[in-house]
C-alpha atoms as a PDB file:
ATOM      1  CA  MET A   1     -21.981  15.149  25.382  1.00  0.00           C
ATOM      2  CA  GLU A   2     -19.228  17.336  23.899  1.00  0.00           C
ATOM      3  CA  ARG A   3     -17.652  18.410  27.132  1.00  0.00           C
ATOM      4  CA  ARG A   4     -17.940  15.036  28.394  1.00  0.00           C
ATOM      5  CA  ALA A   5     -15.773  14.135  26.068  1.00  0.00           C
ATOM      6  CA  ALA A   6     -13.045  17.180  26.863  1.00  0.00           C
ATOM      7  CA  SER A   7     -13.565  16.459  30.429  1.00  0.00           C
ATOM      8  CA  ARG A   8     -12.518  12.676  29.731  1.00  0.00           C
ATOM      9  CA  ARG A   9      -9.725  13.764  27.048  1.00  0.00           C
ATOM     10  CA  GLY A  10      -8.028  15.745  30.275  1.00  0.00           C
ATOM     11  CA  GLN A  11      -7.839  12.747  32.399  1.00  0.00           C
ATOM     12  CA  PRO A  12      -5.020  10.246  32.560  1.00  0.00           C
ATOM     13  CA  ALA A  13      -5.418   6.854  30.846  1.00  0.00           C
ATOM     14  CA  TYR A  14      -6.408   3.487  32.507  1.00  0.00           C
ATOM     15  CA  GLY A  15      -3.076   2.447  34.213  1.00  0.00           C
ATOM     16  CA  HIS A  16      -0.793   5.492  33.306  1.00  0.00           C
ATOM     17  CA  ASP A  17       1.091   4.673  36.825  1.00  0.00           C
ATOM     18  CA  ALA A  18       1.128   0.535  36.735  1.00  0.00           C
ATOM     19  CA  LEU A  19       3.218  -1.469  35.598  1.00  0.00           C
ATOM     20  CA  ILE A  20       1.247  -4.085  34.220  1.00  0.00           C
ATOM     21  CA  ALA A  21      -2.379  -2.529  32.775  1.00  0.00           C
ATOM     22  CA  CYS A  22      -4.668  -4.902  31.109  1.00  0.00           C
ATOM     23  CA  ASP A  23      -7.722  -3.496  29.938  1.00  0.00           C
ATOM     24  CA  ARG A  24     -10.556  -5.265  29.007  1.00  0.00           C
ATOM     25  CA  LEU A  25      -8.735  -7.766  27.182  1.00  0.00           C
ATOM     26  CA  VAL A  26      -9.682 -10.560  25.053  1.00  0.00           C
ATOM     27  CA  ARG A  27      -7.917 -13.407  23.741  1.00  0.00           C
ATOM     28  CA  VAL A  28     -10.580 -15.910  21.242  1.00  0.00           C
ATOM     29  CA  PHE A  29      -9.264 -19.149  20.053  1.00  0.00           C
ATOM     30  CA  THR A  30     -10.526 -20.891  17.522  1.00  0.00           C
ATOM     31  CA  THR A  31     -10.669 -24.805  16.359  1.00  0.00           C
ATOM     32  CA  ASP A  32     -12.281 -26.740  14.182  1.00  0.00           C
ATOM     33  CA  GLY A  33     -14.268 -23.643  13.266  1.00  0.00           C
ATOM     34  CA  VAL A  34     -15.720 -23.457  17.048  1.00  0.00           C
ATOM     35  CA  GLU A  35     -14.263 -20.127  19.028  1.00  0.00           C
ATOM     36  CA  VAL A  36     -13.969 -20.209  22.505  1.00  0.00           C
ATOM     37  CA  GLN A  37     -13.287 -17.117  24.271  1.00  0.00           C
ATOM     38  CA  ALA A  38     -10.560 -17.732  26.911  1.00  0.00           C
ATOM     39  CA  LEU A  39      -9.983 -14.184  28.343  1.00  0.00           C
ATOM     40  CA  GLN A  40     -13.658 -12.012  28.012  1.00  0.00           C
ATOM     41  CA  GLY A  41     -12.615  -8.213  28.544  1.00  0.00           C
ATOM     42  CA  LEU A  42     -10.258  -9.029  31.416  1.00  0.00           C
ATOM     43  CA  ASP A  43      -8.850  -6.012  33.521  1.00  0.00           C
ATOM     44  CA  LEU A  44      -6.164  -6.197  35.504  1.00  0.00           C
ATOM     45  CA  LEU A  45      -3.447  -3.591  37.169  1.00  0.00           C
ATOM     46  CA  VAL A  46      -0.302  -4.313  39.220  1.00  0.00           C
ATOM     47  CA  ALA A  47       1.703  -1.828  40.608  1.00  0.00           C
ATOM     48  CA  GLU A  48       5.877  -1.871  40.455  1.00  0.00           C
ATOM     49  CA  GLY A  49       7.163  -3.822  43.054  1.00  0.00           C
ATOM     50  CA  GLU A  50       4.059  -5.975  43.976  1.00  0.00           C
ATOM     51  CA  LEU A  51       4.460  -9.511  44.778  1.00  0.00           C
ATOM     52  CA  MET A  52       1.035 -11.010  44.153  1.00  0.00           C
ATOM     53  CA  ALA A  53      -0.843 -14.326  43.481  1.00  0.00           C
ATOM     54  CA  LEU A  54      -3.603 -15.086  40.240  1.00  0.00           C
ATOM     55  CA  VAL A  55      -5.562 -18.242  41.331  1.00  0.00           C
ATOM     56  CA  GLY A  56      -8.672 -19.807  39.090  1.00  0.00           C
ATOM     57  CA  ALA A  57     -10.092 -22.791  38.452  1.00  0.00           C
ATOM     58  CA  SER A  58      -8.788 -24.803  35.612  1.00  0.00           C
ATOM     59  CA  GLY A  59      -9.841 -22.687  31.814  1.00  0.00           C
ATOM     60  CA  SER A  60     -10.366 -19.844  33.944  1.00  0.00           C
ATOM     61  CA  GLY A  61      -8.527 -17.917  31.860  1.00  0.00           C
ATOM     62  CA  LYS A  62      -5.173 -17.337  34.070  1.00  0.00           C
ATOM     63  CA  SER A  63      -2.528 -19.457  31.869  1.00  0.00           C
ATOM     64  CA  THR A  64      -4.160 -17.487  28.478  1.00  0.00           C
ATOM     65  CA  LEU A  65      -3.413 -14.011  30.540  1.00  0.00           C
ATOM     66  CA  MET A  66       0.061 -15.274  32.197  1.00  0.00           C
ATOM     67  CA  ASN A  67       1.027 -16.488  28.302  1.00  0.00           C
ATOM     68  CA  ILE A  68       0.109 -12.885  27.147  1.00  0.00           C
ATOM     69  CA  LEU A  69       2.214 -11.068  29.743  1.00  0.00           C
ATOM     70  CA  ALA A  70       5.128 -13.216  28.734  1.00  0.00           C
ATOM     71  CA  GLY A  71       5.223 -12.033  25.198  1.00  0.00           C
ATOM     72  CA  LEU A  72       4.514 -15.974  24.351  1.00  0.00           C
ATOM     73  CA  ASP A  73       0.740 -14.964  22.872  1.00  0.00           C
ATOM     74  CA  VAL A  74      -1.130 -12.035  20.996  1.00  0.00           C
ATOM     75  CA  PRO A  75      -4.520 -10.621  22.608  1.00  0.00           C
ATOM     76  CA  THR A  76      -7.205 -10.608  19.742  1.00  0.00           C
ATOM     77  CA  ALA A  77      -8.463  -7.477  21.513  1.00  0.00           C
ATOM     78  CA  GLY A  78      -8.023  -5.088  24.283  1.00  0.00           C
ATOM     79  CA  ALA A  79      -5.020  -3.277  25.599  1.00  0.00           C
ATOM     80  CA  ALA A  80      -2.273  -5.100  27.531  1.00  0.00           C
ATOM     81  CA  LYS A  81       0.754  -2.960  28.388  1.00  0.00           C
ATOM     82  CA  VAL A  82       4.205  -3.702  30.540  1.00  0.00           C
ATOM     83  CA  ALA A  83       6.608  -1.509  31.585  1.00  0.00           C
ATOM     84  CA  GLY A  84       5.489   0.526  28.442  1.00  0.00           C
ATOM     85  CA  ARG A  85       5.659  -1.852  26.091  1.00  0.00           C
ATOM     86  CA  ASP A  86       2.425  -2.666  24.455  1.00  0.00           C
ATOM     87  CA  LEU A  87       1.755  -6.110  24.154  1.00  0.00           C
ATOM     88  CA  LEU A  88      -0.787  -5.841  21.105  1.00  0.00           C
ATOM     89  CA  THR A  89       1.438  -3.906  18.573  1.00  0.00           C
ATOM     90  CA  MET A  90       5.068  -5.442  19.388  1.00  0.00           C
ATOM     91  CA  ASP A  91       6.179  -7.432  16.026  1.00  0.00           C
ATOM     92  CA  ALA A  92       8.639 -10.450  16.297  1.00  0.00           C
ATOM     93  CA  LYS A  93      11.587  -8.210  17.422  1.00  0.00           C
ATOM     94  CA  ALA A  94      10.450  -6.408  19.929  1.00  0.00           C
ATOM     95  CA  ARG A  95       8.536  -9.030  21.101  1.00  0.00           C
ATOM     96  CA  LEU A  96      11.778 -11.098  21.495  1.00  0.00           C
ATOM     97  CA  GLY A  97      13.264  -8.077  22.755  1.00  0.00           C
ATOM     98  CA  TYR A  98      10.681  -7.950  25.781  1.00  0.00           C
ATOM     99  CA  ARG A  99      10.879 -11.590  26.448  1.00  0.00           C
ATOM    100  CA  ARG A 100      14.819 -11.284  26.822  1.00  0.00           C
ATOM    101  CA  ASP A 101      14.655  -7.960  28.701  1.00  0.00           C
ATOM    102  CA  VAL A 102      11.691  -6.677  30.283  1.00  0.00           C
ATOM    103  CA  VAL A 103       9.982 -10.258  31.755  1.00  0.00           C
ATOM    104  CA  GLY A 104      11.638 -13.312  33.226  1.00  0.00           C
ATOM    105  CA  PHE A 105       9.769 -16.942  33.602  1.00  0.00           C
ATOM    106  CA  VAL A 106       9.238 -19.397  35.800  1.00  0.00           C
ATOM    107  CA  TRP A 107       7.382 -22.773  34.506  1.00  0.00           C
ATOM    108  CA  GLN A 108       6.184 -25.556  36.759  1.00  0.00           C
ATOM    109  CA  GLN A 109       7.965 -28.139  34.980  1.00  0.00           C
ATOM    110  CA  THR A 110      11.631 -27.535  35.840  1.00  0.00           C
ATOM    111  CA  ALA A 111      13.204 -29.601  32.315  1.00  0.00           C
ATOM    112  CA  ARG A 112      11.559 -25.884  30.667  1.00  0.00           C
ATOM    113  CA  ASN A 113      13.979 -24.083  33.135  1.00  0.00           C
ATOM    114  CA  LEU A 114      17.240 -25.172  32.896  1.00  0.00           C
ATOM    115  CA  LEU A 115      19.391 -26.777  29.821  1.00  0.00           C
ATOM    116  CA  PRO A 116      20.421 -30.098  31.342  1.00  0.00           C
ATOM    117  CA  TYR A 117      24.119 -30.656  30.642  1.00  0.00           C
ATOM    118  CA  LEU A 118      25.049 -26.975  31.880  1.00  0.00           C
ATOM    119  CA  THR A 119      25.603 -26.732  35.928  1.00  0.00           C
ATOM    120  CA  ALA A 120      23.403 -24.091  37.756  1.00  0.00           C
ATOM    121  CA  LEU A 121      25.884 -21.570  37.204  1.00  0.00           C
ATOM    122  CA  GLN A 122      26.562 -22.010  33.860  1.00  0.00           C
ATOM    123  CA  ASN A 123      22.581 -21.704  33.291  1.00  0.00           C
ATOM    124  CA  VAL A 124      21.975 -18.167  35.203  1.00  0.00           C
ATOM    125  CA  THR A 125      24.790 -16.518  32.935  1.00  0.00           C
ATOM    126  CA  LEU A 126      23.664 -17.923  29.822  1.00  0.00           C
ATOM    127  CA  PRO A 127      20.664 -15.110  29.179  1.00  0.00           C
ATOM    128  CA  MET A 128      23.592 -12.567  29.992  1.00  0.00           C
ATOM    129  CA  GLN A 129      25.608 -14.379  27.509  1.00  0.00           C
ATOM    130  CA  LEU A 130      22.705 -14.329  24.729  1.00  0.00           C
ATOM    131  CA  ARG A 131      21.978 -10.411  25.736  1.00  0.00           C
ATOM    132  CA  GLY A 132      25.749  -9.224  25.578  1.00  0.00           C
ATOM    133  CA  GLY A 133      26.863  -6.412  26.854  1.00  0.00           C
ATOM    134  CA  ARG A 134      28.738  -8.068  30.022  1.00  0.00           C
ATOM    135  CA  ARG A 135      31.863  -9.344  30.042  1.00  0.00           C
ATOM    136  CA  ARG A 136      32.440 -13.284  31.336  1.00  0.00           C
ATOM    137  CA  ALA A 137      33.903 -11.578  34.662  1.00  0.00           C
ATOM    138  CA  ALA A 138      30.830  -9.511  34.838  1.00  0.00           C
ATOM    139  CA  ARG A 139      28.355 -12.192  34.401  1.00  0.00           C
ATOM    140  CA  THR A 140      29.760 -14.939  36.441  1.00  0.00           C
ATOM    141  CA  LYS A 141      30.094 -12.165  39.295  1.00  0.00           C
ATOM    142  CA  ALA A 142      26.478 -11.110  38.800  1.00  0.00           C
ATOM    143  CA  ALA A 143      25.470 -14.763  38.585  1.00  0.00           C
ATOM    144  CA  VAL A 144      27.097 -16.098  41.703  1.00  0.00           C
ATOM    145  CA  GLU A 145      26.017 -13.041  43.333  1.00  0.00           C
ATOM    146  CA  LEU A 146      21.914 -13.908  42.641  1.00  0.00           C
ATOM    147  CA  LEU A 147      22.868 -17.885  43.829  1.00  0.00           C
ATOM    148  CA  SER A 148      23.995 -16.736  47.151  1.00  0.00           C
ATOM    149  CA  MET A 149      20.863 -14.275  47.110  1.00  0.00           C
ATOM    150  CA  LEU A 150      19.081 -17.370  46.739  1.00  0.00           C
ATOM    151  CA  ALA A 151      21.203 -19.944  49.229  1.00  0.00           C
ATOM    152  CA  LEU A 152      22.345 -21.890  46.287  1.00  0.00           C
ATOM    153  CA  ASP A 153      26.320 -21.422  46.787  1.00  0.00           C
ATOM    154  CA  HIS A 154      26.492 -25.067  47.088  1.00  0.00           C
ATOM    155  CA  CYS A 155      24.749 -26.107  43.920  1.00  0.00           C
ATOM    156  CA  ARG A 156      26.515 -23.553  41.624  1.00  0.00           C
ATOM    157  CA  ASP A 157      29.186 -26.560  40.029  1.00  0.00           C
ATOM    158  CA  ARG A 158      26.187 -28.792  40.285  1.00  0.00           C
ATOM    159  CA  ARG A 159      23.901 -29.964  36.777  1.00  0.00           C
ATOM    160  CA  PRO A 160      20.364 -30.254  36.693  1.00  0.00           C
ATOM    161  CA  HIS A 161      19.942 -33.609  37.898  1.00  0.00           C
ATOM    162  CA  GLN A 162      21.917 -33.014  40.856  1.00  0.00           C
ATOM    163  CA  LEU A 163      19.492 -30.985  42.505  1.00  0.00           C
ATOM    164  CA  SER A 164      16.863 -31.399  44.309  1.00  0.00           C
ATOM    165  CA  GLY A 165      13.176 -30.187  43.381  1.00  0.00           C
ATOM    166  CA  GLY A 166      13.636 -27.136  45.502  1.00  0.00           C
ATOM    167  CA  GLU A 167      17.103 -26.412  44.304  1.00  0.00           C
ATOM    168  CA  GLN A 168      15.816 -26.882  40.715  1.00  0.00           C
ATOM    169  CA  GLN A 169      13.091 -24.245  40.617  1.00  0.00           C
ATOM    170  CA  ARG A 170      15.175 -21.771  42.753  1.00  0.00           C
ATOM    171  CA  THR A 171      18.146 -21.823  40.177  1.00  0.00           C
ATOM    172  CA  ALA A 172      15.692 -21.665  37.497  1.00  0.00           C
ATOM    173  CA  ILE A 173      14.439 -18.192  39.669  1.00  0.00           C
ATOM    174  CA  ALA A 174      18.059 -17.056  39.528  1.00  0.00           C
ATOM    175  CA  VAL A 175      18.066 -17.828  35.477  1.00  0.00           C
ATOM    176  CA  ALA A 176      14.381 -15.772  34.999  1.00  0.00           C
ATOM    177  CA  LEU A 177      16.210 -12.891  37.021  1.00  0.00           C
ATOM    178  CA  ALA A 178      19.691 -12.825  35.086  1.00  0.00           C
ATOM    179  CA  ASN A 179      18.617  -9.965  32.664  1.00  0.00           C
ATOM    180  CA  THR A 180      17.271  -7.918  35.972  1.00  0.00           C
ATOM    181  CA  PRO A 181      13.951  -8.193  34.428  1.00  0.00           C
ATOM    182  CA  SER A 182      11.223  -5.739  35.465  1.00  0.00           C
ATOM    183  CA  VAL A 183       8.420  -8.358  35.878  1.00  0.00           C
ATOM    184  CA  LEU A 184       8.911 -12.021  37.106  1.00  0.00           C
ATOM    185  CA  LEU A 185       6.120 -14.533  35.993  1.00  0.00           C
ATOM    186  CA  ALA A 186       5.414 -17.669  38.076  1.00  0.00           C
ATOM    187  CA  ASP A 187       3.125 -20.687  36.709  1.00  0.00           C
ATOM    188  CA  GLU A 188       2.788 -23.027  39.082  1.00  0.00           C
ATOM    189  CA  PRO A 189       6.231 -22.889  40.477  1.00  0.00           C
ATOM    190  CA  THR A 190       5.276 -25.099  43.523  1.00  0.00           C
ATOM    191  CA  GLY A 191       2.996 -27.383  41.939  1.00  0.00           C
ATOM    192  CA  GLU A 192       5.317 -30.170  41.762  1.00  0.00           C
ATOM    193  CA  LEU A 193       7.060 -29.651  45.465  1.00  0.00           C
ATOM    194  CA  ASP A 194       6.181 -30.679  49.007  1.00  0.00           C
ATOM    195  CA  SER A 195       4.843 -27.913  51.509  1.00  0.00           C
ATOM    196  CA  HIS A 196       8.597 -27.601  52.902  1.00  0.00           C
ATOM    197  CA  THR A 197      10.048 -26.995  49.700  1.00  0.00           C
ATOM    198  CA  ALA A 198       7.215 -25.007  48.517  1.00  0.00           C
ATOM    199  CA  GLU A 199       7.743 -22.450  51.340  1.00  0.00           C
ATOM    200  CA  GLN A 200      11.685 -22.257  50.427  1.00  0.00           C
ATOM    201  CA  VAL A 201      10.979 -21.608  46.694  1.00  0.00           C
ATOM    202  CA  PHE A 202       8.748 -19.349  48.402  1.00  0.00           C
ATOM    203  CA  THR A 203      11.178 -17.766  50.420  1.00  0.00           C
ATOM    204  CA  ALA A 204      13.153 -17.330  46.999  1.00  0.00           C
ATOM    205  CA  PHE A 205      10.617 -14.795  45.653  1.00  0.00           C
ATOM    206  CA  ARG A 206       9.971 -13.202  48.373  1.00  0.00           C
ATOM    207  CA  THR A 207      13.726 -12.196  48.202  1.00  0.00           C
ATOM    208  CA  ALA A 208      14.051 -11.233  45.358  1.00  0.00           C
ATOM    209  CA  ASN A 209      11.073  -9.152  45.077  1.00  0.00           C
ATOM    210  CA  GLU A 210      12.386  -7.283  48.673  1.00  0.00           C
ATOM    211  CA  GLU A 211      16.082  -7.119  48.013  1.00  0.00           C
ATOM    212  CA  LEU A 212      15.544  -6.469  43.747  1.00  0.00           C
ATOM    213  CA  GLY A 213      12.415  -4.722  44.008  1.00  0.00           C
ATOM    214  CA  THR A 214      11.094  -7.367  41.208  1.00  0.00           C
ATOM    215  CA  THR A 215       7.897  -7.624  40.790  1.00  0.00           C
ATOM    216  CA  ILE A 216       6.255 -10.970  40.875  1.00  0.00           C
ATOM    217  CA  VAL A 217       3.459 -12.708  39.452  1.00  0.00           C
ATOM    218  CA  ILE A 218       2.095 -15.887  40.605  1.00  0.00           C
ATOM    219  CA  VAL A 219      -0.288 -18.503  39.045  1.00  0.00           C
ATOM    220  CA  THR A 220      -1.557 -21.100  41.853  1.00  0.00           C
ATOM    221  CA  HIS A 221      -3.515 -23.623  42.863  1.00  0.00           C
ATOM    222  CA  ASP A 222      -1.887 -23.603  46.235  1.00  0.00           C
ATOM    223  CA  GLN A 223      -3.662 -21.942  48.726  1.00  0.00           C
ATOM    224  CA  ALA A 224      -0.875 -21.947  51.010  1.00  0.00           C
ATOM    225  CA  VAL A 225       0.937 -19.412  48.316  1.00  0.00           C
ATOM    226  CA  ALA A 226      -1.893 -17.113  47.325  1.00  0.00           C
ATOM    227  CA  SER A 227      -1.926 -16.494  51.777  1.00  0.00           C
ATOM    228  CA  GLU A 228       1.906 -15.791  51.960  1.00  0.00           C
ATOM    229  CA  VAL A 229       1.188 -12.119  49.586  1.00  0.00           C
ATOM    230  CA  ARG A 230      -0.420  -9.132  50.077  1.00  0.00           C
ATOM    231  CA  ARG A 231      -2.737  -9.654  47.123  1.00  0.00           C
ATOM    232  CA  THR A 232      -4.832 -12.864  45.208  1.00  0.00           C
ATOM    233  CA  VAL A 233      -6.579 -11.725  42.086  1.00  0.00           C
ATOM    234  CA  ALA A 234      -8.866 -14.534  41.193  1.00  0.00           C
ATOM    235  CA  ILE A 235      -9.716 -14.932  37.487  1.00  0.00           C
ATOM    236  CA  ARG A 236     -13.723 -16.645  36.830  1.00  0.00           C
ATOM    237  CA  ASP A 237     -14.623 -17.026  32.853  1.00  0.00           C
ATOM    238  CA  GLY A 238     -12.183 -15.230  31.446  1.00  0.00           C
ATOM    239  CA  ARG A 239     -12.398 -12.086  34.122  1.00  0.00           C
ATOM    240  CA  THR A 240     -11.238 -11.059  37.406  1.00  0.00           C
ATOM    241  CA  SER A 241     -14.113 -11.573  39.738  1.00  0.00           C
ATOM    242  CA  SER A 242     -12.492 -10.992  43.181  1.00  0.00           C
ATOM    243  CA  GLU A 243      -9.538  -9.852  45.076  1.00  0.00           C
ATOM    244  CA  VAL A 244      -8.390 -10.631  48.769  1.00  0.00           C
ATOM    245  CA  LEU A 245      -6.347  -7.837  50.382  1.00  0.00           C
ATOM    246  CA  ARG A 246      -4.213  -8.945  53.192  1.00  0.00           C
ATOM    247  CA  ARG A 247      -2.650  -6.102  56.198  1.00  0.00           C
ATOM    248  CA  THR A 248      -1.118  -6.039  59.383  1.00  0.00           C
ATOM    249  CA  GLU A 249      -3.152  -4.718  61.868  1.00  0.00           C
ATOM    250  CA  ARG A 250      -1.889  -4.053  65.600  1.00  0.00           C
ATOM    251  CA  ASP A 251      -4.083  -4.220  68.312  1.00  0.00           C
ATOM    252  CA  ALA A 252      -4.341  -0.677  70.034  1.00  0.00           C
ATOM    253  CA  ALA A 253      -4.975  -2.851  73.916  1.00  0.00           C
ATOM    254  CA  THR A 254      -2.457  -5.564  73.613  1.00  0.00           C
ATOM    255  CA  GLY A 255       0.101  -4.003  70.697  1.00  0.00           C
ATOM    256  CA  GLN A 256       0.095  -7.516  69.070  1.00  0.00           C
ATOM    257  CA  GLU A 257      -0.227  -7.701  65.552  1.00  0.00           C
ATOM    258  CA  SER A 258      -2.442  -9.924  63.255  1.00  0.00           C
ATOM    259  CA  LEU A 259      -2.613 -10.684  59.850  1.00  0.00           C
ATOM    260  CA  VAL A 260      -6.056  -9.554  57.731  1.00  0.00           C
ATOM    261  CA  ALA A 261      -7.887 -10.551  54.901  1.00  0.00           C
ATOM    262  CA  ARG A 262     -10.587  -8.740  53.635  1.00  0.00           C
ATOM    263  CA  GLU A 263     -12.376 -10.669  49.963  1.00  0.00           C
ATOM    264  CA  TYR A 264     -13.709  -7.521  47.653  1.00  0.00           C
ATOM    265  CA  ALA A 265     -15.580  -8.104  44.267  1.00  0.00           C
ATOM    266  CA  MET A 266     -13.917  -6.805  40.865  1.00  0.00           C
ATOM    267  CA  LEU A 267     -15.980  -4.008  39.061  1.00  0.00           C
ATOM    268  CA  ASP A 268     -14.625  -4.163  35.751  1.00  0.00           C
ATOM    269  CA  ARG A 269     -14.115  -0.962  33.046  1.00  0.00           C
ATOM    270  CA  ALA A 270     -17.572  -2.025  32.134  1.00  0.00           C
ATOM    271  CA  GLY A 271     -18.913  -1.610  35.248  1.00  0.00           C
ATOM    272  CA  ARG A 272     -19.863  -5.974  35.235  1.00  0.00           C
ATOM    273  CA  LEU A 273     -19.713  -6.902  38.934  1.00  0.00           C
ATOM    274  CA  GLN A 274     -19.346 -11.139  39.261  1.00  0.00           C
ATOM    275  CA  LEU A 275     -21.318 -12.171  42.804  1.00  0.00           C
ATOM    276  CA  PRO A 276     -20.582 -15.665  44.447  1.00  0.00           C
ATOM    277  CA  ALA A 277     -22.711 -17.737  43.302  1.00  0.00           C
ATOM    278  CA  GLU A 278     -23.203 -18.741  46.963  1.00  0.00           C
ATOM    279  CA  TYR A 279     -24.943 -15.899  47.480  1.00  0.00           C
ATOM    280  CA  THR A 280     -26.205 -15.678  44.632  1.00  0.00           C
ATOM    281  CA  SER A 281     -27.910 -19.297  45.489  1.00  0.00           C
ATOM    282  CA  SER A 282     -28.588 -18.528  48.727  1.00  0.00           C
ATOM    283  CA  LEU A 283     -31.074 -15.470  48.484  1.00  0.00           C
ATOM    284  CA  GLY A 284     -32.723 -16.944  44.586  1.00  0.00           C
ATOM    285  CA  MET A 285     -30.834 -14.689  42.813  1.00  0.00           C
ATOM    286  CA  GLU A 286     -31.415 -15.724  39.150  1.00  0.00           C
ATOM    287  CA  TYR A 287     -31.649 -14.615  35.175  1.00  0.00           C
ATOM    288  CA  ARG A 288     -32.195 -10.362  37.065  1.00  0.00           C
ATOM    289  CA  VAL A 289     -31.628  -8.537  40.009  1.00  0.00           C
ATOM    290  CA  LEU A 290     -32.758  -5.261  41.526  1.00  0.00           C
ATOM    291  CA  LEU A 291     -30.480  -2.126  42.490  1.00  0.00           C
ATOM    292  CA  GLU A 292     -31.113   0.375  44.678  1.00  0.00           C
ATOM    293  CA  LEU A 293     -28.953   3.492  44.723  1.00  0.00           C
ATOM    294  CA  GLU A 294     -28.160   5.109  48.604  1.00  0.00           C
ATOM    295  CA  SER A 295     -26.790   7.569  49.798  1.00  0.00           C
ATOM    296  CA  ASP A 296     -23.179   5.257  50.770  1.00  0.00           C
ATOM    297  CA  HIS A 297     -24.263   1.858  49.298  1.00  0.00           C
ATOM    298  CA  ILE A 298     -25.857   0.238  46.377  1.00  0.00           C
ATOM    299  CA  GLY A 299     -28.402  -2.511  47.184  1.00  0.00           C
ATOM    300  CA  VAL A 300     -29.029  -5.565  45.245  1.00  0.00           C
ATOM    301  CA  TRP A 301     -32.238  -7.665  46.145  1.00  0.00           C
ATOM    302  CA  PRO A 302     -33.846 -10.383  44.466  1.00  0.00           C
ATOM    303  CA  ASP A 303     -36.396  -9.728  41.665  1.00  0.00           C
ATOM    304  CA  ARG A 304     -39.766 -10.318  43.401  1.00  0.00           C
ATOM    305  CA  THR A 305     -42.046  -9.585  40.555  1.00  0.00           C
ATOM    306  CA  ALA A 306     -44.045 -12.316  39.006  1.00  0.00           C
ATOM    307  CA  ASP A 307     -42.068 -12.369  35.846  1.00  0.00           C
ATOM    308  CA  GLY A 308     -38.708 -12.467  37.373  1.00  0.00           C
ATOM    309  CA  ALA A 309     -40.011 -15.332  40.086  1.00  0.00           C
ATOM    310  CA  GLY A 310     -41.502 -17.254  37.431  1.00  0.00           C
ATOM    311  CA  ARG A 311     -38.091 -16.975  35.017  1.00  0.00           C
ATOM    312  CA  GLY A 312     -36.830 -17.992  38.305  1.00  0.00           C
ATOM    313  CA  ARG A 313     -38.740 -21.366  39.038  1.00  0.00           C
ATOM    314  CA  GLY A 314     -38.286 -22.221  35.239  1.00  0.00           C
ATOM    315  CA  GLY A 315     -36.208 -20.303  32.860  1.00  0.00           C
ATOM    316  CA  ALA A 316     -33.131 -19.022  34.154  1.00  0.00           C
ATOM    317  CA  GLY A 317     -31.377 -22.151  32.928  1.00  0.00           C
ATOM    318  CA  GLU A 318     -32.542 -21.818  29.422  1.00  0.00           C
ATOM    319  CA  ASP A 319     -30.905 -18.072  29.495  1.00  0.00           C
ATOM    320  CA  GLY A 320     -27.948 -19.221  30.773  1.00  0.00           C
ATOM    321  CA  ALA A 321     -27.643 -17.441  33.670  1.00  0.00           C
ATOM    322  CA  LYS A 322     -28.308 -20.007  36.658  1.00  0.00           C
ATOM    323  CA  GLY A 323     -25.806 -20.967  39.275  1.00  0.00           C
ATOM    324  CA  SER A 324     -23.361 -18.537  37.223  1.00  0.00           C
ATOM    325  CA  GLY A 325     -23.275 -15.925  39.625  1.00  0.00           C
ATOM    326  CA  VAL A 326     -22.540 -13.178  37.421  1.00  0.00           C
ATOM    327  CA  ALA A 327     -24.988 -10.362  37.932  1.00  0.00           C
ATOM    328  CA  GLU A 328     -26.407  -9.399  34.669  1.00  0.00           C
ATOM    329  CA  ASP A 329     -28.895  -6.804  33.201  1.00  0.00           C
ATOM    330  CA  GLY A 330     -29.603  -5.201  36.579  1.00  0.00           C
ATOM    331  CA  GLY A 331     -26.385  -6.458  38.136  1.00  0.00           C
ATOM    332  CA  GLU A 332     -23.972  -4.675  35.374  1.00  0.00           C
ATOM    333  CA  ALA A 333     -24.077  -1.284  37.085  1.00  0.00           C
ATOM    334  CA  SER A 334     -22.522   1.429  34.465  1.00  0.00           C
END
């Protein structure tokens, strides 16, 4: 045991090379004496320069995660680090500096992103002014460059009510980028837009990612947006459950390129694996499963014992496992 502990001490910390590292993240809310676990040991790593999406049903915990990463909420337990900042231990002053310098945020509701009495140019320069350290001419020059990069030259002297919904959201992206943050977070940024306008907004995110190298994390229900990124992480019941990775492949015979997407189940730090509900239900997997270690894979089999079959017929629902899609007991291979 001592040798094992010594070998672990020599290993790099979890997520040491990631820009965003969430390790067994827990967030518990208490309302009228009732505890609700929004995050239940969530693990997530995001590399510097990534453009990725988070998806999940309402109540899955994705908005709670975004609020923690934005510095608007504090985890109950676990660890969360962004660009070397520890989100669990920061005091109020450090948290304010974090929101000002490290992270930018774009809300779904445009009214929360822009001040209605300022022009687009003034909205973008305001965060720079509050941060300090730049002369007015330098702030204006930087703001003009951001608006130009996002194809908003014609909007610089217009107030928010004079902009279309897409122009408002692209201006909001420019505001979020004003202080050159390490991370840009966006919560359903295309939720109130039509598909054509949503594509323009996503193009703005892609431009920021490619030209500025900004790491961007987008929470979305829009499958069109989710399919535009190389990596989509799904959250279910407060944990990361699956991940879709997309890559471009070239056909050796024709030379034609195509986008290939592959879905993976996520294995968290505790060894837990969430199996898709449609898989488990089709095989009658309830309460527990049988694991078999092979030379190059792990087999997961329905429990066919008399005890297991009995639970599957009548008792699984009483233990809360029926239809959950989470491999309990035997499914949590440590």
